[in-house]
Amino acid sequence: MSYSAIKTRVQVAEKAFANQVDMTQSKWYRLKELAGEAFTPVRIVATGALTGLAVGFTAPWARIGGTMRIVELGTSIANLVGALQAQAAAEEASDVADSASEVVVETAAVVQEAEAVTEETQAAAEEAQVAAEETQAVAAETKTASKQATKAAAKAEAVVDGTRG
């Protein structure tokens, strides 16, 4: 790549980087504005009240150890779901492996057929080569016979001319 092409690519990349920096800064300022608008006193109080309600609801469970049991139940359910998903994935992988092995067997059969066809083609090519060589030999013999026939015809004509004369 030439120096001017590299220099052009660097300039384009610098412009793109500058545009990205400007866009990031403008989005950061907009996020700060939205966050400032979103944290209104009413929302802060409502969030605190909902959090207090949730803590108040779960506090009795914590006294009798129910929170831990709920967490254990949730963990057990998550593990069960994960195990079921893993089993389904294993079955799917097994099906894919079976399909792949079938494809391998079919491919091997096709390769064997292709090798047989290749061998037949090579045998036919060798036969064609032998036939071509035989044809060339016959053509050479025909040419020789033709020359001999031409010489014999010339001699016969000379003999006929000699007897007429």
C-alpha atoms as a PDB file:
ATOM      1  CA  MET A   1       0.000   0.000   0.000  1.00  0.00           C
ATOM      2  CA  SER A   2       1.415   3.404  -0.876  1.00  0.00           C
ATOM      3  CA  TYR A   3       2.238   6.093   1.638  1.00  0.00           C
ATOM      4  CA  SER A   4      -0.488   8.437   0.368  1.00  0.00           C
ATOM      5  CA  ALA A   5      -3.148   5.711   0.705  1.00  0.00           C
ATOM      6  CA  ILE A   6      -2.044   4.969   4.267  1.00  0.00           C
ATOM      7  CA  LYS A   7      -2.003   8.683   5.096  1.00  0.00           C
ATOM      8  CA  THR A   8      -5.544   9.051   3.717  1.00  0.00           C
ATOM      9  CA  ARG A   9      -6.758   6.082   5.776  1.00  0.00           C
ATOM     10  CA  VAL A  10      -5.214   7.586   8.928  1.00  0.00           C
ATOM     11  CA  GLN A  11      -6.870  10.959   8.266  1.00  0.00           C
ATOM     12  CA  VAL A  12     -10.254   9.308   7.737  1.00  0.00           C
ATOM     13  CA  ALA A  13      -9.815   7.297  10.954  1.00  0.00           C
ATOM     14  CA  GLU A  14      -8.854  10.454  12.897  1.00  0.00           C
ATOM     15  CA  LYS A  15     -11.981  12.251  11.651  1.00  0.00           C
ATOM     16  CA  ALA A  16     -14.159   9.276  12.589  1.00  0.00           C
ATOM     17  CA  PHE A  17     -12.551   9.184  16.055  1.00  0.00           C
ATOM     18  CA  ALA A  18     -13.139  12.914  16.556  1.00  0.00           C
ATOM     19  CA  ASN A  19     -16.796  12.489  15.547  1.00  0.00           C
ATOM     20  CA  GLN A  20     -17.162   9.567  18.002  1.00  0.00           C
ATOM     21  CA  VAL A  21     -15.648  11.650  20.832  1.00  0.00           C
ATOM     22  CA  ASP A  22     -18.026  14.543  20.115  1.00  0.00           C
ATOM     23  CA  MET A  23     -21.022  12.202  19.966  1.00  0.00           C
ATOM     24  CA  THR A  24     -20.011  10.495  23.234  1.00  0.00           C
ATOM     25  CA  GLN A  25     -19.617  13.835  25.009  1.00  0.00           C
ATOM     26  CA  SER A  26     -22.998  15.084  23.811  1.00  0.00           C
ATOM     27  CA  LYS A  27     -24.691  11.847  24.907  1.00  0.00           C
ATOM     28  CA  TRP A  28     -22.959  12.020  28.304  1.00  0.00           C
ATOM     29  CA  TYR A  29     -24.260  15.561  28.865  1.00  0.00           C
ATOM     30  CA  ARG A  30     -27.758  14.475  27.800  1.00  0.00           C
ATOM     31  CA  LEU A  31     -27.601  11.501  30.217  1.00  0.00           C
ATOM     32  CA  LYS A  32     -26.634  13.835  33.071  1.00  0.00           C
ATOM     33  CA  GLU A  33     -29.564  16.110  32.198  1.00  0.00           C
ATOM     34  CA  LEU A  34     -32.018  13.196  32.082  1.00  0.00           C
ATOM     35  CA  ALA A  35     -30.714  11.787  35.356  1.00  0.00           C
ATOM     36  CA  GLY A  36     -31.118  15.185  37.004  1.00  0.00           C
ATOM     37  CA  GLU A  37     -34.666  15.440  35.665  1.00  0.00           C
ATOM     38  CA  ALA A  38     -35.478  11.858  36.700  1.00  0.00           C
ATOM     39  CA  PHE A  39     -34.381  12.189  40.358  1.00  0.00           C
ATOM     40  CA  THR A  40     -37.345  14.256  41.511  1.00  0.00           C
ATOM     41  CA  PRO A  41     -38.332  14.322  45.175  1.00  0.00           C
ATOM     42  CA  VAL A  42     -41.551  12.401  44.454  1.00  0.00           C
ATOM     43  CA  ARG A  43     -39.681   9.576  42.742  1.00  0.00           C
ATOM     44  CA  ILE A  44     -37.100   9.401  45.506  1.00  0.00           C
ATOM     45  CA  VAL A  45     -39.818   9.169  48.189  1.00  0.00           C
ATOM     46  CA  ALA A  46     -41.792   6.568  46.164  1.00  0.00           C
ATOM     47  CA  THR A  47     -38.689   4.430  45.683  1.00  0.00           C
ATOM     48  CA  GLY A  48     -37.917   4.597  49.403  1.00  0.00           C
ATOM     49  CA  ALA A  49     -41.486   3.625  50.293  1.00  0.00           C
ATOM     50  CA  LEU A  50     -41.466   0.621  47.919  1.00  0.00           C
ATOM     51  CA  THR A  51     -38.095  -0.505  49.239  1.00  0.00           C
ATOM     52  CA  GLY A  52     -39.353  -0.224  52.806  1.00  0.00           C
ATOM     53  CA  LEU A  53     -42.464  -2.204  51.928  1.00  0.00           C
ATOM     54  CA  ALA A  54     -40.345  -4.964  50.354  1.00  0.00           C
ATOM     55  CA  VAL A  55     -38.057  -5.112  53.411  1.00  0.00           C
ATOM     56  CA  GLY A  56     -41.073  -5.119  55.717  1.00  0.00           C
ATOM     57  CA  PHE A  57     -42.626  -7.983  53.785  1.00  0.00           C
ATOM     58  CA  THR A  58     -39.478 -10.135  53.862  1.00  0.00           C
ATOM     59  CA  ALA A  59     -38.506  -9.322  57.487  1.00  0.00           C
ATOM     60  CA  PRO A  60     -40.879 -11.885  59.081  1.00  0.00           C
ATOM     61  CA  TRP A  61     -39.498 -14.564  56.770  1.00  0.00           C
ATOM     62  CA  ALA A  62     -36.012 -13.684  57.880  1.00  0.00           C
ATOM     63  CA  ARG A  63     -36.948 -14.222  61.567  1.00  0.00           C
ATOM     64  CA  ILE A  64     -38.094 -17.779  60.948  1.00  0.00           C
ATOM     65  CA  GLY A  65     -35.380 -18.598  58.445  1.00  0.00           C
ATOM     66  CA  GLY A  66     -37.767 -18.523  55.528  1.00  0.00           C
ATOM     67  CA  THR A  67     -35.631 -16.232  53.431  1.00  0.00           C
ATOM     68  CA  MET A  68     -32.868 -18.777  53.281  1.00  0.00           C
ATOM     69  CA  ARG A  69     -35.332 -21.494  52.367  1.00  0.00           C
ATOM     70  CA  ILE A  70     -36.779 -19.326  49.621  1.00  0.00           C
ATOM     71  CA  VAL A  71     -33.262 -18.712  48.308  1.00  0.00           C
ATOM     72  CA  GLU A  72     -32.532 -22.445  48.506  1.00  0.00           C
ATOM     73  CA  LEU A  73     -35.779 -23.193  46.665  1.00  0.00           C
ATOM     74  CA  GLY A  74     -34.921 -20.644  43.983  1.00  0.00           C
ATOM     75  CA  THR A  75     -31.431 -22.102  43.634  1.00  0.00           C
ATOM     76  CA  SER A  76     -32.825 -25.625  43.381  1.00  0.00           C
ATOM     77  CA  ILE A  77     -35.295 -24.577  40.696  1.00  0.00           C
ATOM     78  CA  ALA A  78     -32.527 -22.801  38.781  1.00  0.00           C
ATOM     79  CA  ASN A  79     -30.351 -25.928  38.992  1.00  0.00           C
ATOM     80  CA  LEU A  80     -33.245 -28.120  37.812  1.00  0.00           C
ATOM     81  CA  VAL A  81     -33.897 -25.852  34.833  1.00  0.00           C
ATOM     82  CA  GLY A  82     -30.181 -25.823  34.025  1.00  0.00           C
ATOM     83  CA  ALA A  83     -29.996 -29.620  34.200  1.00  0.00           C
ATOM     84  CA  LEU A  84     -33.023 -29.969  31.908  1.00  0.00           C
ATOM     85  CA  GLN A  85     -31.494 -27.546  29.427  1.00  0.00           C
ATOM     86  CA  ALA A  86     -28.194 -29.440  29.557  1.00  0.00           C
ATOM     87  CA  GLN A  87     -29.988 -32.722  28.920  1.00  0.00           C
ATOM     88  CA  ALA A  88     -31.844 -31.228  25.947  1.00  0.00           C
ATOM     89  CA  ALA A  89     -28.569 -29.843  24.593  1.00  0.00           C
ATOM     90  CA  ALA A  90     -26.894 -33.244  25.014  1.00  0.00           C
ATOM     91  CA  GLU A  91     -29.719 -34.960  23.128  1.00  0.00           C
ATOM     92  CA  GLU A  92     -29.497 -32.384  20.362  1.00  0.00           C
ATOM     93  CA  ALA A  93     -25.724 -32.844  20.196  1.00  0.00           C
ATOM     94  CA  SER A  94     -26.245 -36.604  19.954  1.00  0.00           C
ATOM     95  CA  ASP A  95     -28.695 -36.119  17.085  1.00  0.00           C
ATOM     96  CA  VAL A  96     -26.235 -33.821  15.333  1.00  0.00           C
ATOM     97  CA  ALA A  97     -23.449 -36.380  15.828  1.00  0.00           C
ATOM     98  CA  ASP A  98     -25.667 -39.106  14.351  1.00  0.00           C
ATOM     99  CA  SER A  99     -26.465 -36.890  11.367  1.00  0.00           C
ATOM    100  CA  ALA A 100     -22.770 -36.126  10.943  1.00  0.00           C
ATOM    101  CA  SER A 101     -21.869 -39.810  10.998  1.00  0.00           C
ATOM    102  CA  GLU A 102     -24.535 -40.501   8.368  1.00  0.00           C
ATOM    103  CA  VAL A 103     -23.067 -37.743   6.222  1.00  0.00           C
ATOM    104  CA  VAL A 104     -19.593 -39.255   6.675  1.00  0.00           C
ATOM    105  CA  VAL A 105     -20.857 -42.677   5.569  1.00  0.00           C
ATOM    106  CA  GLU A 106     -22.610 -41.170   2.543  1.00  0.00           C
ATOM    107  CA  THR A 107     -19.515 -39.148   1.690  1.00  0.00           C
ATOM    108  CA  ALA A 108     -17.349 -42.266   1.908  1.00  0.00           C
ATOM    109  CA  ALA A 109     -19.720 -44.077  -0.475  1.00  0.00           C
ATOM    110  CA  VAL A 110     -19.571 -41.167  -2.912  1.00  0.00           C
ATOM    111  CA  VAL A 111     -15.761 -41.121  -2.664  1.00  0.00           C
ATOM    112  CA  GLN A 112     -15.629 -44.858  -3.425  1.00  0.00           C
ATOM    113  CA  GLU A 113     -17.911 -44.369  -6.428  1.00  0.00           C
ATOM    114  CA  ALA A 114     -15.753 -41.466  -7.601  1.00  0.00           C
ATOM    115  CA  GLU A 115     -12.621 -43.589  -7.262  1.00  0.00           C
ATOM    116  CA  ALA A 116     -14.259 -46.392  -9.247  1.00  0.00           C
ATOM    117  CA  VAL A 117     -15.314 -43.950 -11.956  1.00  0.00           C
ATOM    118  CA  THR A 118     -11.788 -42.506 -11.972  1.00  0.00           C
ATOM    119  CA  GLU A 119     -10.290 -45.984 -12.401  1.00  0.00           C
ATOM    120  CA  GLU A 120     -12.745 -46.749 -15.206  1.00  0.00           C
ATOM    121  CA  THR A 121     -11.915 -43.435 -16.847  1.00  0.00           C
ATOM    122  CA  GLN A 122      -8.188 -44.141 -16.583  1.00  0.00           C
ATOM    123  CA  ALA A 123      -8.689 -47.618 -18.084  1.00  0.00           C
ATOM    124  CA  ALA A 124     -10.757 -46.145 -20.916  1.00  0.00           C
ATOM    125  CA  ALA A 125      -8.079 -43.489 -21.483  1.00  0.00           C
ATOM    126  CA  GLU A 126      -5.393 -46.180 -21.653  1.00  0.00           C
ATOM    127  CA  GLU A 127      -7.525 -48.173 -24.115  1.00  0.00           C
ATOM    128  CA  ALA A 128      -8.044 -45.033 -26.171  1.00  0.00           C
ATOM    129  CA  GLN A 129      -4.274 -44.425 -26.125  1.00  0.00           C
ATOM    130  CA  VAL A 130      -3.627 -47.987 -27.337  1.00  0.00           C
ATOM    131  CA  ALA A 131      -6.305 -47.589 -30.027  1.00  0.00           C
ATOM    132  CA  ALA A 132      -4.752 -44.288 -31.112  1.00  0.00           C
ATOM    133  CA  GLU A 133      -1.311 -45.910 -31.355  1.00  0.00           C
ATOM    134  CA  GLU A 134      -2.777 -48.791 -33.364  1.00  0.00           C
ATOM    135  CA  THR A 135      -4.541 -46.310 -35.633  1.00  0.00           C
ATOM    136  CA  GLN A 136      -1.267 -44.465 -36.172  1.00  0.00           C
ATOM    137  CA  ALA A 137       0.483 -47.767 -37.004  1.00  0.00           C
ATOM    138  CA  VAL A 138      -2.289 -48.699 -39.449  1.00  0.00           C
ATOM    139  CA  ALA A 139      -2.093 -45.212 -40.966  1.00  0.00           C
ATOM    140  CA  ALA A 140       1.682 -45.583 -41.369  1.00  0.00           C
ATOM    141  CA  GLU A 141       1.235 -49.016 -42.978  1.00  0.00           C
ATOM    142  CA  THR A 142      -1.479 -47.604 -45.243  1.00  0.00           C
ATOM    143  CA  LYS A 143       0.832 -44.771 -46.259  1.00  0.00           C
ATOM    144  CA  THR A 144       3.639 -47.231 -46.992  1.00  0.00           C
ATOM    145  CA  ALA A 145       1.247 -49.454 -48.960  1.00  0.00           C
ATOM    146  CA  SER A 146      -0.003 -46.413 -50.840  1.00  0.00           C
ATOM    147  CA  LYS A 147       3.559 -45.438 -51.785  1.00  0.00           C
ATOM    148  CA  GLN A 148       4.283 -48.989 -52.910  1.00  0.00           C
ATOM    149  CA  ALA A 149       1.056 -49.049 -54.927  1.00  0.00           C
ATOM    150  CA  THR A 150       2.001 -45.733 -56.535  1.00  0.00           C
ATOM    151  CA  LYS A 151       5.461 -47.123 -57.440  1.00  0.00           C
ATOM    152  CA  ALA A 152       3.909 -50.322 -58.803  1.00  0.00           C
ATOM    153  CA  ALA A 153       1.429 -48.297 -60.832  1.00  0.00           C
ATOM    154  CA  ALA A 154       4.284 -46.183 -62.224  1.00  0.00           C
ATOM    155  CA  LYS A 155       6.246 -49.334 -63.155  1.00  0.00           C
ATOM    156  CA  ALA A 156       3.159 -50.868 -64.712  1.00  0.00           C
ATOM    157  CA  GLU A 157       2.572 -47.721 -66.726  1.00  0.00           C
ATOM    158  CA  ALA A 158       6.213 -47.708 -67.867  1.00  0.00           C
ATOM    159  CA  VAL A 159       5.884 -51.330 -68.899  1.00  0.00           C
ATOM    160  CA  VAL A 160       2.662 -50.596 -70.772  1.00  0.00           C
ATOM    161  CA  ASP A 161       4.267 -47.572 -72.468  1.00  0.00           C
ATOM    162  CA  GLY A 162       7.335 -49.683 -73.369  1.00  0.00           C
ATOM    163  CA  THR A 163       5.204 -52.336 -75.033  1.00  0.00           C
ATOM    164  CA  ARG A 164       3.232 -49.809 -77.071  1.00  0.00           C
ATOM    165  CA  GLY A 165       6.205 -48.083 -78.349  1.00  0.00           C
END
